[in-house]
Every structure is written in C-alpha cells, then in structure tokens.
Amino acid sequence: MENESVETPRKRRDRLYIIAEILAIAKDGSLKTQIMYRANLSFAQLNEYLNFLLKRELLKVNTENRKTLYKTTSKGVKYLENYEEISNLLRRGGGNPVRANSPIFWLKRTT
C-alpha cells in the first residue's frame, strides 16, 4: 500500500483578502518588513499594495523614532468590518470558525 498524505488544497488568496490581511496587520501600526513577512508577500508585491492602500487612504504612514510605521486608518477599519460581514454572509452554514490565518482573526485579536 502506498503512503498517501492527506493535504488540504491551497487556495489562492484574492486581492481583497490580501488587502484585508495587510490592514489587519497594520491596525496598531507595523513596519514594512513586518507586514511583508506576516502577509507572506514579496517586496515588489508589498510595495504595490502599500501604494494602492495609501492612495485610497486605507493606510497612513507615521514616523516614530526614525522608523516608518504603516497604520490602518478609520476608513481601513471600515473596510475590515465590511470584509468580515461579507465573509460571514458567504460562508456555508454561517457557523464556520474564523481561521487563525484569516484577516478577520487578526482584527478580532487586536481589538
């Protein structure tokens, strides 16, 4: 009998999910490298997303002790709340628990 490993299929993260993930990570202020590693993005991808979010005022830049911190704005928090609401509506059965790698998990964890 051959060894069969049971793997959960990897789902591609969509753009809205990645945006929610970045906003959740930056809720209390985060360095660029922290966002990059926690969101599992390349440097180029991160820069693209940060520029997009800054232009739309979902993120703002703060400088503290010569460090550049990215912080989610109130508009960004509203995005996260709406994202959570839509995710809850789309979940089958409506009772699935929030996964630890979900942006919603990070939002709840930091509030």
N, C-alpha and C. Protein backbone atom coordinates (compact mmCIF):
# COMPACT_ATOMS: atom_id res chain seq x y z
N MET A 1 0.84 -1.19 0.00
CA MET A 1 0.00 0.00 0.00
C MET A 1 0.87 1.24 0.00
N GLU A 2 0.58 2.16 -0.84
CA GLU A 2 1.34 3.38 -0.97
C GLU A 2 0.98 4.36 0.14
N ASN A 3 1.99 5.10 0.61
CA ASN A 3 1.71 6.13 1.60
C ASN A 3 0.96 7.27 0.95
N GLU A 4 -0.20 7.54 1.47
CA GLU A 4 -0.99 8.65 0.95
C GLU A 4 -1.03 9.74 2.00
N SER A 5 -0.68 10.92 1.58
CA SER A 5 -0.78 12.03 2.52
C SER A 5 -2.03 12.82 2.21
N VAL A 6 -2.70 13.18 3.25
CA VAL A 6 -3.90 13.98 3.09
C VAL A 6 -3.50 15.43 3.22
N GLU A 7 -3.67 16.16 2.14
CA GLU A 7 -3.31 17.57 2.14
C GLU A 7 -4.56 18.39 1.89
N THR A 8 -4.63 19.50 2.58
CA THR A 8 -5.72 20.42 2.29
C THR A 8 -5.31 21.23 1.07
N PRO A 9 -6.20 21.39 0.14
CA PRO A 9 -5.84 22.14 -1.07
C PRO A 9 -5.53 23.59 -0.73
N ARG A 10 -4.48 24.10 -1.33
CA ARG A 10 -4.12 25.50 -1.13
C ARG A 10 -5.00 26.36 -2.01
N LYS A 11 -5.59 27.32 -1.39
CA LYS A 11 -6.42 28.25 -2.14
C LYS A 11 -5.61 29.50 -2.41
N ARG A 12 -5.77 30.03 -3.58
CA ARG A 12 -5.15 31.29 -3.93
C ARG A 12 -5.82 32.41 -3.17
N ARG A 13 -5.03 33.30 -2.64
CA ARG A 13 -5.60 34.45 -1.96
C ARG A 13 -5.98 35.49 -3.00
N ASP A 14 -7.17 36.02 -2.88
CA ASP A 14 -7.55 37.06 -3.83
C ASP A 14 -7.10 38.42 -3.32
N ARG A 15 -7.22 39.41 -4.18
CA ARG A 15 -6.74 40.76 -3.87
C ARG A 15 -7.44 41.35 -2.64
N LEU A 16 -8.75 41.14 -2.53
CA LEU A 16 -9.49 41.69 -1.40
C LEU A 16 -9.05 41.06 -0.08
N TYR A 17 -8.74 39.76 -0.11
CA TYR A 17 -8.25 39.06 1.07
C TYR A 17 -6.90 39.62 1.50
N ILE A 18 -6.00 39.81 0.54
CA ILE A 18 -4.66 40.32 0.85
C ILE A 18 -4.76 41.73 1.42
N ILE A 19 -5.63 42.55 0.85
CA ILE A 19 -5.84 43.90 1.37
C ILE A 19 -6.32 43.84 2.81
N ALA A 20 -7.29 42.98 3.09
CA ALA A 20 -7.80 42.84 4.45
C ALA A 20 -6.69 42.36 5.39
N GLU A 21 -5.87 41.46 4.92
CA GLU A 21 -4.77 40.94 5.72
C GLU A 21 -3.78 42.05 6.08
N ILE A 22 -3.41 42.86 5.10
CA ILE A 22 -2.48 43.96 5.34
C ILE A 22 -3.08 44.96 6.34
N LEU A 23 -4.34 45.31 6.13
CA LEU A 23 -5.00 46.27 7.02
C LEU A 23 -5.10 45.74 8.45
N ALA A 24 -5.36 44.46 8.59
CA ALA A 24 -5.45 43.85 9.92
C ALA A 24 -4.08 43.85 10.60
N ILE A 25 -3.04 43.55 9.85
CA ILE A 25 -1.68 43.53 10.40
C ILE A 25 -1.27 44.93 10.84
N ALA A 26 -1.65 45.94 10.07
CA ALA A 26 -1.23 47.32 10.34
C ALA A 26 -2.18 48.07 11.28
N LYS A 27 -3.13 47.37 11.84
CA LYS A 27 -4.15 48.04 12.68
C LYS A 27 -3.53 48.87 13.80
N ASP A 28 -2.52 48.37 14.46
CA ASP A 28 -1.87 49.09 15.56
C ASP A 28 -0.54 49.71 15.14
N GLY A 29 -0.25 49.68 13.85
CA GLY A 29 1.00 50.21 13.33
C GLY A 29 2.03 49.11 13.17
N SER A 30 2.59 48.99 11.97
CA SER A 30 3.57 47.95 11.69
C SER A 30 4.63 48.49 10.74
N LEU A 31 5.82 47.93 10.86
CA LEU A 31 6.90 48.23 9.93
C LEU A 31 6.64 47.51 8.61
N LYS A 32 7.23 48.02 7.56
CA LYS A 32 7.07 47.44 6.23
C LYS A 32 7.48 45.96 6.21
N THR A 33 8.61 45.65 6.84
CA THR A 33 9.07 44.25 6.83
C THR A 33 8.13 43.35 7.63
N GLN A 34 7.55 43.86 8.70
CA GLN A 34 6.60 43.06 9.47
C GLN A 34 5.38 42.71 8.61
N ILE A 35 4.89 43.69 7.89
CA ILE A 35 3.74 43.45 7.01
C ILE A 35 4.12 42.43 5.93
N MET A 36 5.28 42.62 5.33
CA MET A 36 5.73 41.74 4.25
C MET A 36 5.78 40.28 4.72
N TYR A 37 6.40 40.03 5.86
CA TYR A 37 6.54 38.65 6.34
C TYR A 37 5.23 38.07 6.84
N ARG A 38 4.45 38.85 7.59
CA ARG A 38 3.20 38.32 8.14
C ARG A 38 2.15 38.08 7.05
N ALA A 39 2.18 38.90 6.00
CA ALA A 39 1.23 38.73 4.90
C ALA A 39 1.78 37.81 3.81
N ASN A 40 3.03 37.37 3.97
CA ASN A 40 3.68 36.47 3.02
C ASN A 40 3.66 37.04 1.60
N LEU A 41 4.20 38.27 1.48
CA LEU A 41 4.27 38.94 0.18
C LEU A 41 5.73 39.20 -0.18
N SER A 42 6.00 39.27 -1.46
CA SER A 42 7.32 39.68 -1.90
C SER A 42 7.45 41.19 -1.70
N PHE A 43 8.67 41.70 -1.78
CA PHE A 43 8.89 43.13 -1.60
C PHE A 43 8.16 43.93 -2.68
N ALA A 44 8.19 43.44 -3.91
CA ALA A 44 7.51 44.13 -5.02
C ALA A 44 6.00 44.13 -4.81
N GLN A 45 5.45 42.99 -4.42
CA GLN A 45 4.01 42.91 -4.16
C GLN A 45 3.61 43.85 -3.03
N LEU A 46 4.41 43.83 -1.97
CA LEU A 46 4.12 44.68 -0.82
C LEU A 46 4.07 46.15 -1.22
N ASN A 47 5.07 46.60 -1.98
CA ASN A 47 5.10 48.00 -2.41
C ASN A 47 3.88 48.36 -3.26
N GLU A 48 3.47 47.45 -4.11
CA GLU A 48 2.28 47.68 -4.94
C GLU A 48 1.03 47.85 -4.05
N TYR A 49 0.86 46.95 -3.09
CA TYR A 49 -0.30 47.03 -2.20
C TYR A 49 -0.24 48.27 -1.30
N LEU A 50 0.93 48.58 -0.75
CA LEU A 50 1.04 49.75 0.12
C LEU A 50 0.72 51.03 -0.65
N ASN A 51 1.24 51.17 -1.85
CA ASN A 51 0.94 52.35 -2.66
C ASN A 51 -0.56 52.46 -2.94
N PHE A 52 -1.17 51.35 -3.28
CA PHE A 52 -2.61 51.31 -3.54
C PHE A 52 -3.40 51.74 -2.30
N LEU A 53 -3.05 51.17 -1.15
CA LEU A 53 -3.79 51.46 0.09
C LEU A 53 -3.55 52.88 0.59
N LEU A 54 -2.36 53.40 0.39
CA LEU A 54 -2.06 54.78 0.79
C LEU A 54 -2.84 55.77 -0.09
N LYS A 55 -2.90 55.52 -1.39
CA LYS A 55 -3.63 56.40 -2.31
C LYS A 55 -5.12 56.45 -1.98
N ARG A 56 -5.64 55.34 -1.51
CA ARG A 56 -7.07 55.26 -1.19
C ARG A 56 -7.37 55.58 0.27
N GLU A 57 -6.34 56.01 0.97
CA GLU A 57 -6.43 56.42 2.38
C GLU A 57 -6.97 55.34 3.31
N LEU A 58 -6.62 54.09 2.99
CA LEU A 58 -6.94 52.97 3.88
C LEU A 58 -5.80 52.74 4.86
N LEU A 59 -4.62 53.23 4.49
CA LEU A 59 -3.42 53.18 5.34
C LEU A 59 -2.84 54.59 5.41
N LYS A 60 -2.13 54.86 6.50
CA LYS A 60 -1.37 56.11 6.60
C LYS A 60 0.03 55.77 7.10
N VAL A 61 0.94 56.69 6.89
CA VAL A 61 2.33 56.50 7.29
C VAL A 61 2.61 57.40 8.48
N ASN A 62 3.17 56.82 9.52
CA ASN A 62 3.62 57.57 10.70
C ASN A 62 5.11 57.33 10.88
N THR A 63 5.84 58.34 11.30
CA THR A 63 7.25 58.17 11.61
C THR A 63 7.43 58.32 13.11
N GLU A 64 7.95 57.27 13.73
CA GLU A 64 8.20 57.26 15.17
C GLU A 64 9.62 56.76 15.40
N ASN A 65 10.41 57.54 16.13
CA ASN A 65 11.79 57.16 16.43
C ASN A 65 12.55 56.76 15.16
N ARG A 66 12.41 57.56 14.13
CA ARG A 66 13.07 57.34 12.84
C ARG A 66 12.66 56.04 12.15
N LYS A 67 11.53 55.50 12.54
CA LYS A 67 11.00 54.29 11.90
C LYS A 67 9.69 54.64 11.21
N THR A 68 9.52 54.13 10.02
CA THR A 68 8.29 54.36 9.27
C THR A 68 7.29 53.26 9.58
N LEU A 69 6.18 53.66 10.17
CA LEU A 69 5.13 52.71 10.53
C LEU A 69 3.92 52.93 9.62
N TYR A 70 3.31 51.85 9.22
CA TYR A 70 2.08 51.89 8.44
C TYR A 70 0.94 51.56 9.39
N LYS A 71 -0.08 52.40 9.38
CA LYS A 71 -1.20 52.23 10.31
C LYS A 71 -2.52 52.30 9.54
N THR A 72 -3.43 51.43 9.89
CA THR A 72 -4.74 51.39 9.26
C THR A 72 -5.54 52.61 9.70
N THR A 73 -6.16 53.28 8.75
CA THR A 73 -6.99 54.45 9.04
C THR A 73 -8.40 53.99 9.45
N SER A 74 -9.22 54.93 9.85
CA SER A 74 -10.60 54.58 10.19
C SER A 74 -11.35 54.06 8.95
N LYS A 75 -11.00 54.58 7.79
CA LYS A 75 -11.56 54.09 6.53
C LYS A 75 -11.13 52.63 6.29
N GLY A 76 -9.88 52.32 6.64
CA GLY A 76 -9.37 50.95 6.52
C GLY A 76 -10.05 50.00 7.50
N VAL A 77 -10.32 50.48 8.70
CA VAL A 77 -11.04 49.66 9.70
C VAL A 77 -12.45 49.37 9.20
N LYS A 78 -13.07 50.35 8.56
CA LYS A 78 -14.41 50.15 7.98
C LYS A 78 -14.36 49.09 6.88
N TYR A 79 -13.30 49.10 6.07
CA TYR A 79 -13.11 48.07 5.06
C TYR A 79 -13.06 46.69 5.72
N LEU A 80 -12.29 46.58 6.80
CA LEU A 80 -12.17 45.29 7.50
C LEU A 80 -13.52 44.82 8.05
N GLU A 81 -14.28 45.74 8.61
CA GLU A 81 -15.60 45.39 9.14
C GLU A 81 -16.52 44.90 8.03
N ASN A 82 -16.50 45.61 6.89
CA ASN A 82 -17.32 45.20 5.74
C ASN A 82 -16.85 43.87 5.17
N TYR A 83 -15.53 43.68 5.12
CA TYR A 83 -14.97 42.42 4.63
C TYR A 83 -15.43 41.26 5.51
N GLU A 84 -15.41 41.47 6.82
CA GLU A 84 -15.85 40.42 7.75
C GLU A 84 -17.33 40.11 7.53
N GLU A 85 -18.13 41.14 7.37
CA GLU A 85 -19.56 40.94 7.18
C GLU A 85 -19.85 40.15 5.90
N ILE A 86 -19.17 40.50 4.82
CA ILE A 86 -19.35 39.78 3.56
C ILE A 86 -18.85 38.35 3.68
N SER A 87 -17.71 38.15 4.34
CA SER A 87 -17.18 36.79 4.54
C SER A 87 -18.16 35.93 5.32
N ASN A 88 -18.78 36.51 6.34
CA ASN A 88 -19.76 35.77 7.13
C ASN A 88 -20.98 35.40 6.29
N LEU A 89 -21.41 36.29 5.42
CA LEU A 89 -22.56 36.00 4.55
C LEU A 89 -22.27 34.88 3.57
N LEU A 90 -21.03 34.82 3.10
CA LEU A 90 -20.68 33.84 2.08
C LEU A 90 -20.29 32.47 2.62
N ARG A 91 -20.00 32.41 3.91
CA ARG A 91 -19.63 31.12 4.49
C ARG A 91 -20.80 30.16 4.44
N ARG A 92 -20.53 28.94 4.06
CA ARG A 92 -21.59 27.93 4.04
C ARG A 92 -22.02 27.62 5.46
N GLY A 93 -23.28 27.62 5.70
CA GLY A 93 -23.81 27.30 7.02
C GLY A 93 -23.67 28.44 8.00
N GLY A 94 -22.85 29.42 7.70
CA GLY A 94 -22.69 30.57 8.57
C GLY A 94 -22.03 30.30 9.90
N GLY A 95 -21.66 29.05 10.19
CA GLY A 95 -21.11 28.74 11.50
C GLY A 95 -19.66 28.32 11.51
N ASN A 96 -18.97 28.47 10.38
CA ASN A 96 -17.56 28.07 10.34
C ASN A 96 -16.73 28.98 11.23
N PRO A 97 -15.83 28.41 12.00
CA PRO A 97 -14.99 29.25 12.86
C PRO A 97 -14.01 30.08 12.05
N VAL A 98 -13.57 31.16 12.63
CA VAL A 98 -12.58 32.02 11.99
C VAL A 98 -11.22 31.36 12.11
N ARG A 99 -10.54 31.16 10.98
CA ARG A 99 -9.22 30.53 10.98
C ARG A 99 -8.17 31.51 11.50
N ALA A 100 -7.10 30.96 12.07
CA ALA A 100 -6.03 31.79 12.64
C ALA A 100 -5.27 32.57 11.58
N ASN A 101 -5.32 32.12 10.32
CA ASN A 101 -4.60 32.85 9.27
C ASN A 101 -5.50 33.84 8.54
N SER A 102 -6.70 34.01 9.02
CA SER A 102 -7.65 34.91 8.40
C SER A 102 -7.45 36.35 8.88
N PRO A 103 -7.63 37.35 8.01
CA PRO A 103 -7.53 38.74 8.44
C PRO A 103 -8.55 39.05 9.53
N ILE A 104 -9.68 38.38 9.48
CA ILE A 104 -10.71 38.61 10.49
C ILE A 104 -10.21 38.18 11.86
N PHE A 105 -9.43 37.10 11.91
CA PHE A 105 -8.83 36.65 13.16
C PHE A 105 -7.94 37.75 13.74
N TRP A 106 -7.12 38.36 12.90
CA TRP A 106 -6.20 39.41 13.37
C TRP A 106 -6.96 40.64 13.83
N LEU A 107 -8.05 40.96 13.14
CA LEU A 107 -8.86 42.10 13.53
C LEU A 107 -9.45 41.86 14.92
N LYS A 108 -10.00 40.69 15.15
CA LYS A 108 -10.59 40.37 16.45
C LYS A 108 -9.54 40.29 17.53
N ARG A 109 -8.37 39.83 17.18
CA ARG A 109 -7.29 39.65 18.16
C ARG A 109 -6.74 40.98 18.66
N THR A 110 -6.77 42.01 17.81
CA THR A 110 -6.19 43.30 18.17
C THR A 110 -7.21 44.27 18.73
N THR A 111 -8.48 43.89 18.78
CA THR A 111 -9.50 44.80 19.32
C THR A 111 -9.85 44.45 20.74
